[in-house]
PDB file of N, CA and C in Angstrom:
ATOM      1  N   MET A   1    -141.634 -75.843 188.856  1.00  0.00           N
ATOM      2  CA  MET A   1    -141.059 -74.458 188.314  1.00  0.00           C
ATOM      3  C   MET A   1    -141.680 -73.452 187.685  1.00  0.00           C
ATOM      4  N   ALA A   2    -142.025 -72.374 188.014  1.00  0.00           N
ATOM      5  CA  ALA A   2    -142.767 -71.435 187.162  1.00  0.00           C
ATOM      6  C   ALA A   2    -142.181 -70.870 185.824  1.00  0.00           C
ATOM      7  N   LEU A   3    -143.281 -70.182 185.236  1.00  0.00           N
ATOM      8  CA  LEU A   3    -142.708 -69.923 183.554  1.00  0.00           C
ATOM      9  C   LEU A   3    -141.369 -68.807 183.873  1.00  0.00           C
ATOM     10  N   ASP A   4    -141.414 -67.721 185.145  1.00  0.00           N
ATOM     11  CA  ASP A   4    -140.454 -66.797 185.290  1.00  0.00           C
ATOM     12  C   ASP A   4    -139.200 -67.532 185.592  1.00  0.00           C
ATOM     13  N   ASP A   5    -139.018 -68.698 186.101  1.00  0.00           N
ATOM     14  CA  ASP A   5    -137.984 -69.159 186.505  1.00  0.00           C
ATOM     15  C   ASP A   5    -137.111 -69.668 185.181  1.00  0.00           C
ATOM     16  N   PHE A   6    -137.688 -70.418 184.267  1.00  0.00           N
ATOM     17  CA  PHE A   6    -136.805 -70.495 182.982  1.00  0.00           C
ATOM     18  C   PHE A   6    -136.233 -69.263 182.408  1.00  0.00           C
ATOM     19  N   LEU A   7    -136.803 -67.926 183.127  1.00  0.00           N
ATOM     20  CA  LEU A   7    -136.248 -66.579 182.254  1.00  0.00           C
ATOM     21  C   LEU A   7    -135.032 -66.329 182.961  1.00  0.00           C
ATOM     22  N   GLU A   8    -134.749 -66.792 183.865  1.00  0.00           N
ATOM     23  CA  GLU A   8    -133.522 -66.062 184.616  1.00  0.00           C
ATOM     24  C   GLU A   8    -132.499 -66.662 183.867  1.00  0.00           C
ATOM     25  N   SER A   9    -131.228 -65.693 183.993  1.00  0.00           N
ATOM     26  CA  SER A   9    -130.179 -66.247 183.109  1.00  0.00           C
ATOM     27  C   SER A   9    -129.413 -67.128 183.676  1.00  0.00           C
ATOM     28  N   GLU A  10    -129.511 -67.776 184.826  1.00  0.00           N
ATOM     29  CA  GLU A  10    -128.774 -68.651 185.318  1.00  0.00           C
ATOM     30  C   GLU A  10    -129.201 -69.860 184.701  1.00  0.00           C
ATOM     31  N   VAL A  11    -130.661 -70.065 184.795  1.00  0.00           N
ATOM     32  CA  VAL A  11    -131.370 -71.643 184.649  1.00  0.00           C
ATOM     33  C   VAL A  11    -131.465 -71.089 183.103  1.00  0.00           C
ATOM     34  N   ALA A  12    -131.311 -70.257 182.124  1.00  0.00           N
ATOM     35  CA  ALA A  12    -130.943 -70.073 180.586  1.00  0.00           C
ATOM     36  C   ALA A  12    -129.467 -70.848 180.104  1.00  0.00           C
ATOM     37  N   ILE A  13    -128.613 -70.737 181.043  1.00  0.00           N
ATOM     38  CA  ILE A  13    -127.157 -70.655 180.450  1.00  0.00           C
ATOM     39  C   ILE A  13    -127.353 -72.516 180.853  1.00  0.00           C
ATOM     40  N   ALA A  14    -127.390 -72.833 181.956  1.00  0.00           N
ATOM     41  CA  ALA A  14    -127.752 -74.273 182.226  1.00  0.00           C
ATOM     42  C   ALA A  14    -128.804 -75.236 181.395  1.00  0.00           C
ATOM     43  N   VAL A  15    -129.602 -74.632 180.765  1.00  0.00           N
ATOM     44  CA  VAL A  15    -130.444 -75.318 179.823  1.00  0.00           C
ATOM     45  C   VAL A  15    -129.771 -75.288 178.896  1.00  0.00           C
ATOM     46  N   GLY A  16    -129.228 -74.139 177.965  1.00  0.00           N
ATOM     47  CA  GLY A  16    -128.385 -74.249 176.727  1.00  0.00           C
ATOM     48  C   GLY A  16    -126.937 -75.364 177.017  1.00  0.00           C
ATOM     49  N   ALA A  17    -126.412 -75.151 178.015  1.00  0.00           N
ATOM     50  CA  ALA A  17    -125.289 -75.877 177.902  1.00  0.00           C
ATOM     51  C   ALA A  17    -125.619 -77.534 178.235  1.00  0.00           C
ATOM     52  N   THR A  18    -126.530 -77.868 178.754  1.00  0.00           N
ATOM     53  CA  THR A  18    -127.361 -78.940 178.763  1.00  0.00           C
ATOM     54  C   THR A  18    -127.533 -79.495 177.126  1.00  0.00           C
ATOM     55  N   ALA A  19    -128.358 -78.909 176.932  1.00  0.00           N
ATOM     56  CA  ALA A  19    -128.526 -79.369 175.390  1.00  0.00           C
ATOM     57  C   ALA A  19    -127.224 -79.341 174.718  1.00  0.00           C
ATOM     58  N   ALA A  20    -126.332 -78.494 174.652  1.00  0.00           N
ATOM     59  CA  ALA A  20    -125.343 -78.444 173.881  1.00  0.00           C
ATOM     60  C   ALA A  20    -124.318 -79.732 174.104  1.00  0.00           C
ATOM     61  N   LEU A  21    -124.238 -80.254 175.446  1.00  0.00           N
ATOM     62  CA  LEU A  21    -123.678 -81.528 175.559  1.00  0.00           C
ATOM     63  C   LEU A  21    -124.267 -82.665 175.240  1.00  0.00           C
ATOM     64  N   LEU A  22    -125.597 -82.343 175.099  1.00  0.00           N
ATOM     65  CA  LEU A  22    -126.372 -83.771 174.606  1.00  0.00           C
ATOM     66  C   LEU A  22    -126.669 -83.540 173.108  1.00  0.00           C
ATOM     67  N   SER A  23    -125.802 -82.576 172.591  1.00  0.00           N
ATOM     68  CA  SER A  23    -126.057 -83.047 170.980  1.00  0.00           C
ATOM     69  C   SER A  23    -125.006 -83.573 170.452  1.00  0.00           C
ATOM     70  N   PRO A  24    -125.279 -84.476 169.489  1.00  0.00           N
ATOM     71  CA  PRO A  24    -124.016 -85.496 169.247  1.00  0.00           C
ATOM     72  C   PRO A  24    -122.884 -84.588 168.410  1.00  0.00           C
ATOM     73  N   ARG A  25    -123.273 -83.325 167.702  1.00  0.00           N
ATOM     74  CA  ARG A  25    -122.078 -82.806 166.812  1.00  0.00           C
ATOM     75  C   ARG A  25    -121.356 -82.109 167.848  1.00  0.00           C
ATOM     76  N   VAL A  26    -121.921 -81.413 169.165  1.00  0.00           N
ATOM     77  CA  VAL A  26    -121.166 -80.982 170.090  1.00  0.00           C
ATOM     78  C   VAL A  26    -120.314 -81.892 170.844  1.00  0.00           C
ATOM     79  N   ARG A  27    -120.666 -82.766 171.097  1.00  0.00           N
ATOM     80  CA  ARG A  27    -120.063 -84.268 171.689  1.00  0.00           C
ATOM     81  C   ARG A  27    -118.970 -84.517 170.866  1.00  0.00           C
ATOM     82  N   GLY A  28    -118.939 -84.670 169.498  1.00  0.00           N
ATOM     83  CA  GLY A  28    -118.137 -85.172 168.604  1.00  0.00           C
ATOM     84  C   GLY A  28    -116.947 -83.895 168.184  1.00  0.00           C
ATOM     85  N   VAL A  29    -117.376 -82.682 168.504  1.00  0.00           N
ATOM     86  CA  VAL A  29    -116.431 -81.575 168.215  1.00  0.00           C
ATOM     87  C   VAL A  29    -115.372 -81.473 169.506  1.00  0.00           C
ATOM     88  N   LEU A  30    -116.011 -81.683 170.801  1.00  0.00           N
ATOM     89  CA  LEU A  30    -115.483 -81.717 172.417  1.00  0.00           C
ATOM     90  C   LEU A  30    -114.560 -82.954 172.167  1.00  0.00           C
ATOM     91  N   ARG A  31    -114.843 -84.148 171.558  1.00  0.00           N
ATOM     92  CA  ARG A  31    -113.920 -85.369 171.120  1.00  0.00           C
ATOM     93  C   ARG A  31    -112.821 -85.041 170.738  1.00  0.00           C
ATOM     94  N   SER A  32    -113.083 -84.742 169.376  1.00  0.00           N
ATOM     95  CA  SER A  32    -111.859 -84.299 168.620  1.00  0.00           C
ATOM     96  C   SER A  32    -111.152 -83.266 169.201  1.00  0.00           C
ATOM     97  N   GLY A  33    -112.004 -82.124 170.040  1.00  0.00           N
ATOM     98  CA  GLY A  33    -110.781 -81.329 170.452  1.00  0.00           C
ATOM     99  C   GLY A  33    -109.925 -82.142 171.504  1.00  0.00           C
ATOM    100  N   ALA A  34    -110.320 -82.746 172.254  1.00  0.00           N
ATOM    101  CA  ALA A  34    -109.788 -83.433 173.237  1.00  0.00           C
ATOM    102  C   ALA A  34    -108.641 -84.320 172.708  1.00  0.00           C
ATOM    103  N   VAL A  35    -108.869 -84.662 171.622  1.00  0.00           N
ATOM    104  CA  VAL A  35    -108.024 -85.837 170.969  1.00  0.00           C
ATOM    105  C   VAL A  35    -106.914 -84.949 170.489  1.00  0.00           C
ATOM    106  N   TYR A  36    -107.076 -83.752 169.716  1.00  0.00           N
ATOM    107  CA  TYR A  36    -105.903 -83.215 169.193  1.00  0.00           C
ATOM    108  C   TYR A  36    -105.474 -82.559 170.332  1.00  0.00           C
ATOM    109  N   GLY A  37    -105.919 -81.873 171.293  1.00  0.00           N
ATOM    110  CA  GLY A  37    -105.448 -81.163 172.177  1.00  0.00           C
ATOM    111  C   GLY A  37    -104.090 -82.475 173.152  1.00  0.00           C
ATOM    112  N   LEU A  38    -104.870 -83.752 173.352  1.00  0.00           N
ATOM    113  CA  LEU A  38    -103.623 -84.255 173.801  1.00  0.00           C
ATOM    114  C   LEU A  38    -102.465 -84.774 172.980  1.00  0.00           C
ATOM    115  N   ALA A  39    -102.892 -84.994 171.493  1.00  0.00           N
ATOM    116  CA  ALA A  39    -101.595 -85.272 170.857  1.00  0.00           C
ATOM    117  C   ALA A  39    -100.702 -83.848 170.676  1.00  0.00           C
ATOM    118  N   GLY A  40    -101.358 -82.947 170.895  1.00  0.00           N
ATOM    119  CA  GLY A  40    -100.309 -81.400 170.880  1.00  0.00           C
ATOM    120  C   GLY A  40     -99.605 -81.710 172.013  1.00  0.00           C
ATOM    121  N   ALA A  41    -100.035 -81.836 173.101  1.00  0.00           N
ATOM    122  CA  ALA A  41     -99.354 -81.757 174.653  1.00  0.00           C
ATOM    123  C   ALA A  41     -98.464 -83.111 174.627  1.00  0.00           C
ATOM    124  N   LEU A  42     -98.715 -84.224 174.005  1.00  0.00           N
ATOM    125  CA  LEU A  42     -97.666 -85.380 173.998  1.00  0.00           C
ATOM    126  C   LEU A  42     -96.158 -84.930 172.629  1.00  0.00           C
ATOM    127  N   ILE A  43     -96.918 -84.005 171.749  1.00  0.00           N
ATOM    128  CA  ILE A  43     -96.037 -83.678 170.599  1.00  0.00           C
ATOM    129  C   ILE A  43     -94.783 -82.535 171.229  1.00  0.00           C
ATOM    130  N   ALA A  44     -95.736 -81.604 172.294  1.00  0.00           N
ATOM    131  CA  ALA A  44     -94.920 -80.344 172.947  1.00  0.00           C
ATOM    132  C   ALA A  44     -93.836 -80.913 174.004  1.00  0.00           C
ATOM    133  N   GLY A  45     -94.748 -82.092 174.602  1.00  0.00           N
ATOM    134  CA  GLY A  45     -93.512 -83.070 175.585  1.00  0.00           C
ATOM    135  C   GLY A  45     -92.669 -83.494 175.006  1.00  0.00           C
ATOM    136  N   ASP A  46     -92.675 -84.275 174.029  1.00  0.00           N
ATOM    137  CA  ASP A  46     -91.667 -84.987 173.365  1.00  0.00           C
ATOM    138  C   ASP A  46     -90.791 -83.967 172.764  1.00  0.00           C
ATOM    139  N   ALA A  47     -91.157 -82.728 172.347  1.00  0.00           N
ATOM    140  CA  ALA A  47     -89.899 -81.784 171.874  1.00  0.00           C
ATOM    141  C   ALA A  47     -89.592 -81.460 173.126  1.00  0.00           C
ATOM    142  N   VAL A  48     -90.020 -80.710 174.085  1.00  0.00           N
ATOM    143  CA  VAL A  48     -88.705 -80.269 175.524  1.00  0.00           C
ATOM    144  C   VAL A  48     -88.040 -81.399 175.938  1.00  0.00           C
ATOM    145  N   SER A  49     -88.637 -82.598 175.919  1.00  0.00           N
ATOM    146  CA  SER A  49     -87.384 -83.961 176.135  1.00  0.00           C
ATOM    147  C   SER A  49     -86.447 -83.992 175.320  1.00  0.00           C
ATOM    148  N   SER A  50     -86.636 -84.014 173.778  1.00  0.00           N
ATOM    149  CA  SER A  50     -85.411 -83.840 173.227  1.00  0.00           C
ATOM    150  C   SER A  50     -84.697 -82.681 173.361  1.00  0.00           C
ATOM    151  N   VAL A  51     -85.082 -81.755 173.639  1.00  0.00           N
ATOM    152  CA  VAL A  51     -84.268 -80.521 173.986  1.00  0.00           C
ATOM    153  C   VAL A  51     -83.216 -80.935 175.181  1.00  0.00           C
ATOM    154  N   ALA A  52     -84.026 -81.241 175.906  1.00  0.00           N
ATOM    155  CA  ALA A  52     -83.519 -81.423 176.905  1.00  0.00           C
ATOM    156  C   ALA A  52     -82.049 -82.400 177.279  1.00  0.00           C
ATOM    157  N   ARG A  53     -82.381 -83.415 176.391  1.00  0.00           N
ATOM    158  CA  ARG A  53     -81.401 -84.871 176.183  1.00  0.00           C
ATOM    159  C   ARG A  53     -80.356 -84.113 175.653  1.00  0.00           C
ATOM    160  N   GLY A  54     -80.537 -83.172 174.272  1.00  0.00           N
ATOM    161  CA  GLY A  54     -79.563 -82.668 173.519  1.00  0.00           C
ATOM    162  C   GLY A  54     -78.684 -81.613 174.414  1.00  0.00           C
ATOM    163  N   ILE A  55     -79.275 -81.046 175.543  1.00  0.00           N
ATOM    164  CA  ILE A  55     -78.572 -79.983 175.991  1.00  0.00           C
ATOM    165  C   ILE A  55     -77.585 -81.022 177.051  1.00  0.00           C
ATOM    166  N   GLY A  56     -78.278 -82.243 177.531  1.00  0.00           N
ATOM    167  CA  GLY A  56     -77.242 -82.884 178.780  1.00  0.00           C
ATOM    168  C   GLY A  56     -76.102 -83.882 177.925  1.00  0.00           C
ATOM    169  N   ARG A  57     -76.464 -83.944 176.521  1.00  0.00           N
ATOM    170  CA  ARG A  57     -75.290 -84.770 175.927  1.00  0.00           C
ATOM    171  C   ARG A  57     -74.239 -83.355 175.547  1.00  0.00           C
ATOM    172  N   GLY A  58     -74.410 -82.232 175.468  1.00  0.00           N
ATOM    173  CA  GLY A  58     -73.622 -81.181 174.968  1.00  0.00           C
ATOM    174  C   GLY A  58     -72.793 -81.167 176.252  1.00  0.00           C
ATOM    175  N   ALA A  59     -73.600 -80.787 177.517  1.00  0.00           N
ATOM    176  CA  ALA A  59     -72.920 -80.491 178.502  1.00  0.00           C
ATOM    177  C   ALA A  59     -71.808 -81.787 179.152  1.00  0.00           C
ATOM    178  N   GLN A  60     -72.257 -83.116 178.768  1.00  0.00           N
ATOM    179  CA  GLN A  60     -71.654 -84.156 178.937  1.00  0.00           C
ATOM    180  C   GLN A  60     -70.362 -84.075 178.041  1.00  0.00           C
ATOM    181  N   GLN A  61     -70.517 -83.593 176.654  1.00  0.00           N
ATOM    182  CA  GLN A  61     -69.597 -83.772 175.987  1.00  0.00           C
ATOM    183  C   GLN A  61     -68.473 -82.444 176.212  1.00  0.00           C
ATOM    184  N   ALA A  62     -68.901 -81.560 176.579  1.00  0.00           N
ATOM    185  CA  ALA A  62     -68.201 -80.321 176.994  1.00  0.00           C
ATOM    186  C   ALA A  62     -67.416 -80.552 178.328  1.00  0.00           C
ATOM    187  N   ALA A  63     -67.811 -81.573 179.141  1.00  0.00           N
ATOM    188  CA  ALA A  63     -67.103 -81.860 180.401  1.00  0.00           C
ATOM    189  C   ALA A  63     -66.286 -82.460 179.861  1.00  0.00           C
ATOM    190  N   SER A  64     -66.481 -83.460 178.781  1.00  0.00           N
ATOM    191  CA  SER A  64     -65.253 -84.759 178.351  1.00  0.00           C
ATOM    192  C   SER A  64     -63.950 -83.959 177.995  1.00  0.00           C
ATOM    193  N   SER A  65     -64.459 -83.156 177.275  1.00  0.00           N
ATOM    194  CA  SER A  65     -63.375 -82.467 176.300  1.00  0.00           C
ATOM    195  C   SER A  65     -62.505 -81.293 177.101  1.00  0.00           C
ATOM    196  N   ALA A  66     -63.359 -80.827 177.952  1.00  0.00           N
ATOM    197  CA  ALA A  66     -62.578 -80.110 179.210  1.00  0.00           C
ATOM    198  C   ALA A  66     -61.836 -81.078 179.998  1.00  0.00           C
ATOM    199  N   GLY A  67     -62.148 -82.336 180.299  1.00  0.00           N
ATOM    200  CA  GLY A  67     -61.338 -83.204 181.081  1.00  0.00           C
ATOM    201  C   GLY A  67     -60.335 -83.505 180.427  1.00  0.00           C
ATOM    202  N   ASP A  68     -60.532 -83.959 178.775  1.00  0.00           N
ATOM    203  CA  ASP A  68     -59.272 -84.217 177.863  1.00  0.00           C
ATOM    204  C   ASP A  68     -58.071 -82.950 178.010  1.00  0.00           C
ATOM    205  N   VAL A  69     -58.801 -81.773 177.562  1.00  0.00           N
ATOM    206  CA  VAL A  69     -57.790 -80.772 177.645  1.00  0.00           C
ATOM    207  C   VAL A  69     -57.054 -80.315 179.163  1.00  0.00           C
ATOM    208  N   ALA A  70     -57.693 -80.868 180.229  1.00  0.00           N
ATOM    209  CA  ALA A  70     -56.900 -80.648 181.259  1.00  0.00           C
ATOM    210  C   ALA A  70     -55.725 -81.590 181.578  1.00  0.00           C
ATOM    211  N   GLN A  71     -56.095 -82.898 181.174  1.00  0.00           N
ATOM    212  CA  GLN A  71     -55.145 -83.899 180.917  1.00  0.00           C
ATOM    213  C   GLN A  71     -54.182 -84.067 180.071  1.00  0.00           C
ATOM    214  N   GLU A  72     -54.555 -83.237 179.166  1.00  0.00           N
ATOM    215  CA  GLU A  72     -53.103 -82.824 177.999  1.00  0.00           C
ATOM    216  C   GLU A  72     -52.513 -81.818 178.615  1.00  0.00           C
ATOM    217  N   ALA A  73     -52.798 -80.959 179.142  1.00  0.00           N
ATOM    218  CA  ALA A  73     -52.305 -79.911 180.141  1.00  0.00           C
ATOM    219  C   ALA A  73     -51.291 -80.391 181.244  1.00  0.00           C
ATOM    220  N   ALA A  74     -51.903 -81.128 181.975  1.00  0.00           N
ATOM    221  CA  ALA A  74     -51.399 -81.938 183.086  1.00  0.00           C
ATOM    222  C   ALA A  74     -50.124 -82.653 182.337  1.00  0.00           C
ATOM    223  N   GLY A  75     -50.521 -83.411 181.379  1.00  0.00           N
ATOM    224  CA  GLY A  75     -49.208 -84.074 180.874  1.00  0.00           C
ATOM    225  C   GLY A  75     -48.096 -83.305 180.391  1.00  0.00           C
ATOM    226  N   ALA A  76     -48.418 -82.307 179.860  1.00  0.00           N
ATOM    227  CA  ALA A  76     -47.645 -81.182 179.524  1.00  0.00           C
ATOM    228  C   ALA A  76     -46.861 -80.831 180.310  1.00  0.00           C
ATOM    229  N   ALA A  77     -47.292 -80.670 181.454  1.00  0.00           N
ATOM    230  CA  ALA A  77     -46.635 -79.807 182.366  1.00  0.00           C
ATOM    231  C   ALA A  77     -45.651 -80.804 182.974  1.00  0.00           C
ATOM    232  N   SER A  78     -46.324 -82.216 183.116  1.00  0.00           N
ATOM    233  CA  SER A  78     -45.393 -82.894 183.708  1.00  0.00           C
ATOM    234  C   SER A  78     -44.133 -83.219 182.799  1.00  0.00           C
ATOM    235  N   GLY A  79     -44.341 -83.330 181.741  1.00  0.00           N
ATOM    236  CA  GLY A  79     -43.235 -83.413 180.556  1.00  0.00           C
ATOM    237  C   GLY A  79     -42.233 -82.367 180.837  1.00  0.00           C
ATOM    238  N   ALA A  80     -42.719 -81.258 180.740  1.00  0.00           N
ATOM    239  CA  ALA A  80     -41.977 -80.074 180.887  1.00  0.00           C
ATOM    240  C   ALA A  80     -40.963 -79.888 182.140  1.00  0.00           C
ATOM    241  N   ALA A  81     -41.567 -80.440 183.454  1.00  0.00           N
ATOM    242  CA  ALA A  81     -41.206 -80.504 184.767  1.00  0.00           C
ATOM    243  C   ALA A  81     -40.159 -81.853 184.306  1.00  0.00           C
ATOM    244  N   GLN A  82     -40.529 -82.744 183.943  1.00  0.00           N
ATOM    245  CA  GLN A  82     -39.505 -83.842 183.820  1.00  0.00           C
ATOM    246  C   GLN A  82     -38.291 -83.569 182.863  1.00  0.00           C
ATOM    247  N   GLY A  83     -38.601 -83.006 181.865  1.00  0.00           N
ATOM    248  CA  GLY A  83     -37.237 -82.437 180.985  1.00  0.00           C
ATOM    249  C   GLY A  83     -36.296 -81.274 181.586  1.00  0.00           C
ATOM    250  N   ALA A  84     -36.915 -80.565 182.539  1.00  0.00           N
ATOM    251  CA  ALA A  84     -36.162 -79.553 183.536  1.00  0.00           C
ATOM    252  C   ALA A  84     -35.603 -80.365 184.690  1.00  0.00           C
ATOM    253  N   VAL A  85     -36.045 -81.146 185.187  1.00  0.00           N
ATOM    254  CA  VAL A  85     -35.388 -82.156 185.948  1.00  0.00           C
ATOM    255  C   VAL A  85     -33.990 -82.901 185.323  1.00  0.00           C
ATOM    256  N   GLU A  86     -34.106 -83.310 183.974  1.00  0.00           N
ATOM    257  CA  GLU A  86     -32.979 -84.378 183.366  1.00  0.00           C
ATOM    258  C   GLU A  86     -32.473 -83.080 183.037  1.00  0.00           C
ATOM    259  N   ARG A  87     -32.435 -81.808 182.551  1.00  0.00           N
ATOM    260  CA  ARG A  87     -31.559 -81.362 182.042  1.00  0.00           C
ATOM    261  C   ARG A  87     -30.753 -80.678 183.456  1.00  0.00           C
ATOM    262  N   ALA A  88     -31.648 -80.460 184.730  1.00  0.00           N
ATOM    263  CA  ALA A  88     -30.886 -80.039 185.714  1.00  0.00           C
ATOM    264  C   ALA A  88     -29.879 -81.018 186.215  1.00  0.00           C
ATOM    265  N   ARG A  89     -30.212 -82.315 186.140  1.00  0.00           N
ATOM    266  CA  ARG A  89     -29.199 -83.543 186.376  1.00  0.00           C
ATOM    267  C   ARG A  89     -28.149 -83.586 185.648  1.00  0.00           C
ATOM    268  N   GLY A  90     -28.645 -83.306 184.031  1.00  0.00           N
ATOM    269  CA  GLY A  90     -27.133 -83.166 183.020  1.00  0.00           C
ATOM    270  C   GLY A  90     -26.430 -82.002 183.535  1.00  0.00           C
ATOM    271  N   THR A  91     -26.881 -80.926 183.963  1.00  0.00           N
ATOM    272  CA  THR A  91     -25.864 -80.133 184.194  1.00  0.00           C
ATOM    273  C   THR A  91     -25.271 -80.339 185.697  1.00  0.00           C
ATOM    274  N   GLY A  92     -25.946 -80.956 186.536  1.00  0.00           N
ATOM    275  CA  GLY A  92     -25.299 -81.020 187.795  1.00  0.00           C
ATOM    276  C   GLY A  92     -24.357 -82.193 187.466  1.00  0.00           C
ATOM    277  N   ASP A  93     -24.357 -83.127 186.717  1.00  0.00           N
ATOM    278  CA  ASP A  93     -23.407 -84.369 186.481  1.00  0.00           C
ATOM    279  C   ASP A  93     -21.899 -83.639 185.749  1.00  0.00           C
ATOM    280  N   ALA A  94     -22.556 -82.677 184.885  1.00  0.00           N
ATOM    281  CA  ALA A  94     -21.354 -82.000 184.209  1.00  0.00           C
ATOM    282  C   ALA A  94     -20.440 -80.996 185.276  1.00  0.00           C
ATOM    283  N   THR A  95     -21.095 -80.525 186.057  1.00  0.00           N
ATOM    284  CA  THR A  95     -20.222 -79.843 187.149  1.00  0.00           C
ATOM    285  C   THR A  95     -19.425 -80.646 187.915  1.00  0.00           C
ATOM    286  N   GLN A  96     -20.084 -81.656 188.276  1.00  0.00           N
ATOM    287  CA  GLN A  96     -19.416 -82.830 189.297  1.00  0.00           C
ATOM    288  C   GLN A  96     -18.211 -83.400 188.683  1.00  0.00           C
ATOM    289  N   SER A  97     -18.081 -83.815 187.347  1.00  0.00           N
ATOM    290  CA  SER A  97     -17.316 -84.129 186.859  1.00  0.00           C
ATOM    291  C   SER A  97     -16.021 -83.091 186.491  1.00  0.00           C
ATOM    292  N   GLU A  98     -16.564 -81.737 186.374  1.00  0.00           N
ATOM    293  CA  GLU A  98     -15.396 -80.916 185.984  1.00  0.00           C
ATOM    294  C   GLU A  98     -14.851 -80.512 187.295  1.00  0.00           C
ATOM    295  N   THR A  99     -14.785 -80.917 188.466  1.00  0.00           N
ATOM    296  CA  THR A  99     -14.290 -80.520 189.608  1.00  0.00           C
ATOM    297  C   THR A  99     -13.468 -81.730 190.429  1.00  0.00           C
TER     298      THR A  99
END
């Protein structure tokens, strides 16, 4: 390689990057950055998972309470229908006994 080859921008960037990566200080910074980055990603993933679980529990509770309300409404409607049938039978019995 000639001296003018070292003055090209691509070669200068490659030499600078190689020197930086071989430096113990730069390697320490990169390593700690990777550790902190991974820890941040794990914390963010845990937070997203927790929110998703909370939403799932809320939806499950809403569905359960909606089912309870529907069951109570059906029970009330059944009770009302049964009461109406009993009243109709009572009225029919009274009409039959009068005739």
